[in-house]
C-alpha cells in the first residue's frame, strides 16, 4: 500500500513539474518588443489569434491588440512566408538556435511558430516566390533551380507537397516579386512582377496582365472576393479588384516618398482590418476599411 501511494505521489509531482515547465515555456515564447523590425520577408494574420505576423531575417515579430511582441526562440530567416487559417507556411534558412538543415525547404507551423514541421526539400531549396491558399493550403511556387524532385519552373501541389504538377505560367514575364493564391479556389493565382500585375484563372497555366503602362507590380494578396494589388509607376498605387467581374477600385493610402507597398495582409476575422508594409520599412494598419491608417512601423522602428 505504501509503495502504491509513493508511486502515485511521484506521478503527481512529475505531472505538476511538467505542466509548470510547459506553462513557463508557453509564457516565455512571446515577450514584449520595442525595437526595430527589419529585413521583412512576409506579413500576414497567421492562425486565429488575431496577431499580425512579420516574418523577418531573425524570426517573428507580432503586432497584436496594439502591442508588439517578439519570439524568444526559432530565430529563423523566414522567406516565402504565407499566413493560413491554422498558422503559416514558410521557407528560408535556419537561425543560430535551430537544428534545421539549410535551407529549410518548405515547413509549416500551426502553433504560432513554436514548432515547425518539415514538408519538403529541407537541405535543398529556399523558395522566395511561394503562395499558399489560406483555407485550402494548396501551394503554388517558383522553383529557382533543380532539386531532387523538381526542375526549375512553376509548380503547384494540393497535398502538402507530396506530389507536384508542373504549370507553364504562359504569359507571365519579369522578375517575380510576389505571388498570391485564392484562399479556397486555387484556379485563381496572381503575380506581381517587374513588368506588372498578372492574373491566372486556370491554376497558373496561363496569365493575363491586368495593369497598363510600365508600372512595376510590387505586391498581391487575395481574399475570397477580391484581389488586392500594389504597383509603382510615377506614384505608388493600391487597387482592389473583384475576382469575378474584374471591377477595380483604387484605395487611398498614406503619402509615400519614393516608396511602395511590398506586402498586403487582411484579417480574415475582420475584413475592415487591412495592413500594408513598404520598401522603406513603414507599416500601416487600417481598422475601418482603409478610410484611415495608423502607422505602426516607421523606418522599421515600432510605434
Protein backbone atom coordinates (compact mmCIF):
# COMPACT_ATOMS: atom_id res chain seq x y z
CA UNK A 1 0.00 0.00 0.00
CA UNK A 2 2.79 2.38 0.98
CA UNK A 3 4.62 1.65 -2.32
CA UNK A 4 1.47 2.36 -4.32
CA UNK A 5 0.96 5.70 -2.53
CA UNK A 6 4.58 6.63 -3.17
CA UNK A 7 4.23 5.91 -6.90
CA UNK A 8 1.03 7.97 -7.08
CA UNK A 9 2.68 10.86 -5.22
CA UNK A 10 5.73 10.83 -7.52
CA UNK A 11 3.47 10.71 -10.57
CA UNK A 12 1.51 13.74 -9.38
CA UNK A 13 4.70 15.69 -8.60
CA UNK A 14 6.19 14.90 -12.02
CA UNK A 15 2.92 15.88 -13.69
CA UNK A 16 2.86 19.22 -11.88
CA UNK A 17 6.52 19.82 -12.72
CA UNK A 18 5.99 19.10 -16.41
CA UNK A 19 2.87 21.23 -16.53
CA UNK A 20 4.81 24.06 -14.89
CA UNK A 21 7.60 23.74 -17.43
CA UNK A 22 5.07 23.74 -20.26
CA UNK A 23 3.30 26.82 -18.91
CA UNK A 24 6.60 28.64 -18.44
CA UNK A 25 7.70 27.80 -21.98
CA UNK A 26 4.35 28.98 -23.32
CA UNK A 27 4.51 32.17 -21.29
CA UNK A 28 8.09 32.88 -22.31
CA UNK A 29 7.67 32.22 -26.04
CA UNK A 30 6.32 35.71 -26.79
CA UNK A 31 7.71 38.72 -24.93
CA UNK A 32 7.11 42.46 -25.24
CA UNK A 33 9.11 44.10 -28.02
CA UNK A 34 10.24 47.68 -28.56
CA UNK A 35 12.88 47.70 -31.23
CA UNK A 36 13.47 47.58 -34.95
CA UNK A 37 11.71 45.27 -37.40
CA UNK A 38 13.86 44.92 -40.50
CA UNK A 39 14.56 42.50 -43.33
CA UNK A 40 10.85 41.63 -43.53
CA UNK A 41 10.11 38.79 -45.97
CA UNK A 42 6.39 38.33 -45.39
CA UNK A 43 3.40 39.52 -43.39
CA UNK A 44 0.02 38.06 -42.52
CA UNK A 45 -2.60 37.09 -39.96
CA UNK A 46 -1.36 33.62 -39.06
CA UNK A 47 -4.00 31.47 -37.39
CA UNK A 48 -6.93 32.78 -35.42
CA UNK A 49 -5.18 34.56 -32.54
CA UNK A 50 -5.63 37.99 -34.21
CA UNK A 51 -1.92 38.62 -34.45
CA UNK A 52 -0.31 40.34 -37.44
CA UNK A 53 2.92 38.40 -38.03
CA UNK A 54 6.04 39.87 -39.63
CA UNK A 55 8.48 37.26 -40.94
CA UNK A 56 11.99 38.65 -40.64
CA UNK A 57 15.62 37.69 -41.08
CA UNK A 58 15.77 36.84 -37.36
CA UNK A 59 12.41 35.26 -36.58
CA UNK A 60 8.88 36.52 -35.97
CA UNK A 61 7.65 39.89 -34.76
CA UNK A 62 3.95 40.17 -33.89
CA UNK A 63 1.57 43.13 -33.60
CA UNK A 64 -1.49 42.21 -31.57
CA UNK A 65 -4.17 44.42 -29.98
CA UNK A 66 -1.97 47.49 -30.20
CA UNK A 67 1.15 45.89 -28.69
CA UNK A 68 4.34 44.46 -30.19
CA UNK A 69 5.87 41.08 -29.35
CA UNK A 70 8.87 39.04 -30.42
CA UNK A 71 9.58 35.36 -30.00
CA UNK A 72 12.34 34.09 -27.74
CA UNK A 73 13.42 31.20 -29.95
CA UNK A 74 13.32 29.90 -33.53
CA UNK A 75 15.17 32.91 -34.92
CA UNK A 76 14.90 31.59 -38.46
CA UNK A 77 15.23 33.65 -41.62
CA UNK A 78 11.70 33.16 -42.92
CA UNK A 79 11.31 33.50 -46.70
CA UNK A 80 8.25 32.75 -48.82
CA UNK A 81 6.13 33.29 -45.70
CA UNK A 82 2.38 32.65 -46.05
CA UNK A 83 -0.20 33.02 -43.29
CA UNK A 84 -3.00 30.42 -43.29
CA UNK A 85 -6.04 29.64 -41.15
CA UNK A 86 -4.08 27.37 -38.79
CA UNK A 87 -0.73 29.18 -38.78
CA UNK A 88 1.79 29.68 -41.55
CA UNK A 89 3.89 28.04 -44.27
CA UNK A 90 7.41 29.20 -44.92
CA UNK A 91 10.78 28.58 -46.49
CA UNK A 92 14.10 30.23 -45.74
CA UNK A 93 17.17 29.50 -43.63
CA UNK A 94 17.66 28.24 -40.06
CA UNK A 95 18.58 30.59 -37.25
CA UNK A 96 21.57 30.14 -34.96
CA UNK A 97 19.38 28.37 -32.41
CA UNK A 98 17.94 25.90 -34.92
CA UNK A 99 18.89 22.33 -35.81
CA UNK A 100 17.08 22.54 -39.17
CA UNK A 101 19.06 21.88 -42.32
CA UNK A 102 20.00 24.84 -44.52
CA UNK A 103 17.94 25.80 -46.44
CA UNK A 104 14.79 24.73 -44.62
CA UNK A 105 12.78 23.83 -47.75
CA UNK A 106 9.03 24.03 -47.06
CA UNK A 107 7.89 23.98 -43.44
CA UNK A 108 4.66 24.80 -41.69
CA UNK A 109 3.75 25.77 -38.16
CA UNK A 110 0.31 25.50 -36.60
CA UNK A 111 1.31 26.75 -33.15
CA UNK A 112 2.48 30.29 -33.79
CA UNK A 113 6.00 29.30 -34.79
CA UNK A 114 6.80 27.39 -31.60
CA UNK A 115 7.44 24.28 -33.68
CA UNK A 116 8.00 23.71 -37.38
CA UNK A 117 7.05 20.61 -39.35
CA UNK A 118 9.10 19.66 -42.39
CA UNK A 119 7.11 19.10 -45.57
CA UNK A 120 9.61 19.03 -48.45
CA UNK A 121 13.09 19.92 -49.70
CA UNK A 122 14.83 20.61 -46.38
CA UNK A 123 18.52 20.99 -47.11
CA UNK A 124 17.79 21.56 -50.80
CA UNK A 125 15.82 24.68 -51.74
CA UNK A 126 14.92 28.12 -50.44
CA UNK A 127 11.65 29.21 -52.04
CA UNK A 128 11.31 33.00 -52.18
CA UNK A 129 8.31 33.00 -54.54
CA UNK A 130 5.65 30.84 -52.91
CA UNK A 131 1.90 31.21 -52.31
CA UNK A 132 -0.34 29.06 -50.10
CA UNK A 133 -4.14 29.06 -50.00
CA UNK A 134 -5.36 30.40 -46.67
CA UNK A 135 -8.05 27.71 -46.33
CA UNK A 136 -7.02 25.10 -48.93
CA UNK A 137 -3.30 25.02 -48.05
CA UNK A 138 -2.65 24.43 -51.77
CA UNK A 139 0.87 25.51 -52.71
CA UNK A 140 1.94 27.44 -55.82
CA UNK A 141 5.62 28.24 -56.21
CA UNK A 142 8.51 29.02 -58.49
CA UNK A 143 11.36 26.55 -58.08
CA UNK A 144 14.55 28.57 -58.66
CA UNK A 145 16.79 25.62 -59.53
CA UNK A 146 16.57 21.86 -60.00
CA UNK A 147 16.30 19.82 -56.81
CA UNK A 148 15.70 16.14 -56.04
CA UNK A 149 12.15 16.18 -57.46
CA UNK A 150 11.54 19.36 -59.45
CA UNK A 151 13.09 21.04 -62.43
CA UNK A 152 13.39 24.82 -62.49
CA UNK A 153 9.96 26.37 -63.09
CA UNK A 154 6.46 26.80 -61.68
CA UNK A 155 4.65 24.07 -59.74
CA UNK A 156 1.53 23.52 -57.68
CA UNK A 157 0.61 20.95 -55.05
CA UNK A 158 -2.70 20.14 -53.37
CA UNK A 159 -1.39 17.50 -50.95
CA UNK A 160 1.16 19.23 -48.73
CA UNK A 161 3.94 18.77 -51.28
CA UNK A 162 3.61 15.01 -51.62
CA UNK A 163 3.07 15.40 -55.36
CA UNK A 164 3.69 18.28 -57.76
CA UNK A 165 2.22 19.38 -61.06
CA UNK A 166 4.32 21.49 -63.40
CA UNK A 167 2.48 24.54 -64.78
CA UNK A 168 3.54 26.56 -67.78
CA UNK A 169 2.81 30.08 -66.43
CA UNK A 170 2.37 31.20 -70.03
CA UNK A 171 2.20 34.98 -70.38
CA UNK A 172 3.96 35.68 -67.09
CA UNK A 173 7.04 37.82 -67.61
CA UNK A 174 9.51 39.72 -65.47
CA UNK A 175 11.14 39.13 -62.10
CA UNK A 176 8.69 37.60 -59.61
CA UNK A 177 8.27 39.89 -56.59
CA UNK A 178 5.11 38.40 -55.04
CA UNK A 179 2.67 35.52 -55.54
CA UNK A 180 -0.84 35.03 -54.16
CA UNK A 181 -3.40 32.26 -54.45
CA UNK A 182 -7.13 32.43 -53.69
CA UNK A 183 -7.93 31.18 -50.16
CA UNK A 184 -10.07 28.26 -51.38
CA UNK A 185 -10.32 28.33 -55.19
CA UNK A 186 -6.82 27.58 -56.43
CA UNK A 187 -7.75 28.33 -60.03
CA UNK A 188 -7.08 31.99 -59.18
CA UNK A 189 -3.36 32.81 -58.92
CA UNK A 190 -1.88 36.31 -59.01
CA UNK A 191 1.68 37.52 -59.50
CA UNK A 192 3.44 40.84 -59.06
CA UNK A 193 6.48 41.15 -61.31
CA UNK A 194 8.87 43.79 -62.56
CA UNK A 195 6.59 44.21 -65.60
CA UNK A 196 3.20 44.47 -63.85
CA UNK A 197 0.39 42.55 -62.17
CA UNK A 198 -0.74 39.25 -63.68
CA UNK A 199 -3.77 37.06 -63.02
CA UNK A 200 -4.41 33.41 -63.87
CA UNK A 201 -7.82 31.76 -63.72
CA UNK A 202 -6.64 28.26 -64.61
CA UNK A 203 -4.29 27.46 -61.76
CA UNK A 204 -1.24 29.18 -63.18
CA UNK A 205 -1.09 27.68 -66.66
CA UNK A 206 -1.96 30.99 -68.34
CA UNK A 207 -1.59 34.55 -67.06
CA UNK A 208 -3.02 37.84 -68.31
CA UNK A 209 -1.61 41.22 -67.37
CA UNK A 210 -4.11 43.49 -65.59
CA UNK A 211 -2.01 46.65 -65.29
CA UNK A 212 -1.16 49.12 -68.03
CA UNK A 213 1.92 51.07 -68.99
CA UNK A 214 5.31 50.48 -67.43
CA UNK A 215 4.17 50.07 -63.84
CA UNK A 216 6.10 47.62 -61.68
CA UNK A 217 3.96 45.16 -59.74
CA UNK A 218 5.09 45.12 -56.11
CA UNK A 219 2.57 43.06 -54.09
CA UNK A 220 -0.51 40.83 -54.42
CA UNK A 221 -2.97 39.49 -51.85
CA UNK A 222 -6.22 37.55 -52.34
CA UNK A 223 -9.25 37.10 -50.12
CA UNK A 224 -12.45 35.27 -51.08
CA UNK A 225 -13.88 38.07 -53.22
CA UNK A 226 -11.07 40.43 -54.15
CA UNK A 227 -7.51 40.65 -55.35
CA UNK A 228 -5.56 43.45 -53.73
CA UNK A 229 -2.52 44.53 -55.70
CA UNK A 230 0.13 47.22 -55.40
CA UNK A 231 2.11 48.75 -58.21
CA UNK A 232 4.55 51.58 -58.75
CA UNK A 233 4.79 53.85 -61.75
CA UNK A 234 5.08 57.56 -61.22
CA UNK A 235 3.35 57.06 -57.87
CA UNK A 236 2.57 54.03 -55.68
CA UNK A 237 -0.93 52.60 -56.02
CA UNK A 238 -3.07 50.07 -54.16
CA UNK A 239 -6.01 48.57 -56.05
CA UNK A 240 -8.88 46.31 -55.04
CA UNK A 241 -10.10 44.09 -57.90
CA UNK A 242 -13.24 41.96 -57.90
CA UNK A 243 -12.15 38.44 -58.89
CA UNK A 244 -15.48 37.65 -60.56
CA UNK A 245 -16.17 40.69 -62.75
CA UNK A 246 -12.81 42.48 -62.82
CA UNK A 247 -14.15 45.78 -61.44
CA UNK A 248 -11.41 47.80 -59.78
CA UNK A 249 -11.27 50.41 -57.03
CA UNK A 250 -8.20 52.49 -56.17
CA UNK A 251 -7.60 52.62 -52.42
CA UNK A 252 -6.38 55.74 -50.67
CA UNK A 253 -3.07 55.05 -48.95
CA UNK A 254 -0.75 57.18 -46.83
CA UNK A 255 1.61 59.50 -48.69
CA UNK A 256 4.85 57.79 -49.63
CA UNK A 257 8.03 59.49 -50.81
CA UNK A 258 9.80 57.25 -53.32
CA UNK A 259 8.34 54.24 -51.58
CA UNK A 260 5.90 51.46 -52.41
CA UNK A 261 3.84 48.66 -50.89
CA UNK A 262 5.56 45.26 -50.87
CA UNK A 263 3.24 43.28 -48.54
CA UNK A 264 -0.52 43.37 -48.03
CA UNK A 265 -2.50 41.49 -45.38
CA UNK A 266 -6.15 41.41 -44.35
CA UNK A 267 -7.53 39.97 -41.12
CA UNK A 268 -9.88 37.10 -42.08
CA UNK A 269 -11.68 37.62 -38.77
CA UNK A 270 -12.30 41.30 -39.56
CA UNK A 271 -12.29 42.40 -43.20
CA UNK A 272 -12.11 46.07 -42.18
CA UNK A 273 -8.59 45.43 -40.88
CA UNK A 274 -6.01 45.81 -43.67
CA UNK A 275 -2.25 46.17 -43.26
CA UNK A 276 0.49 47.27 -45.67
CA UNK A 277 4.29 47.22 -45.45
CA UNK A 278 6.60 49.29 -47.67
CA UNK A 279 10.10 49.11 -49.12
CA UNK A 280 11.36 51.68 -46.59
CA UNK A 281 10.15 49.70 -43.59
CA UNK A 282 6.96 51.61 -42.91
CA UNK A 283 3.88 49.65 -41.86
CA UNK A 284 0.33 50.93 -41.63
CA UNK A 285 -2.85 49.41 -40.29
CA UNK A 286 -6.42 50.38 -41.13
CA UNK A 287 -9.25 49.15 -38.95
CA UNK A 288 -12.08 50.94 -40.76
CA UNK A 289 -11.89 49.56 -44.30
CA UNK A 290 -8.98 51.85 -45.39
CA UNK A 291 -10.75 55.11 -44.53
CA UNK A 292 -7.93 55.93 -42.12
CA UNK A 293 -4.49 54.50 -41.45
CA UNK A 294 -2.40 54.14 -38.29
CA UNK A 295 1.36 53.90 -38.69
CA UNK A 296 2.74 51.00 -36.62
CA UNK A 297 6.29 50.96 -38.04
CA UNK A 298 8.41 53.92 -39.11
CA UNK A 299 11.62 53.03 -40.90
CA UNK A 300 11.37 49.69 -39.12
CA UNK A 301 11.04 51.20 -35.65
CA UNK A 302 7.94 50.16 -33.74
CA UNK A 303 5.50 52.96 -32.89
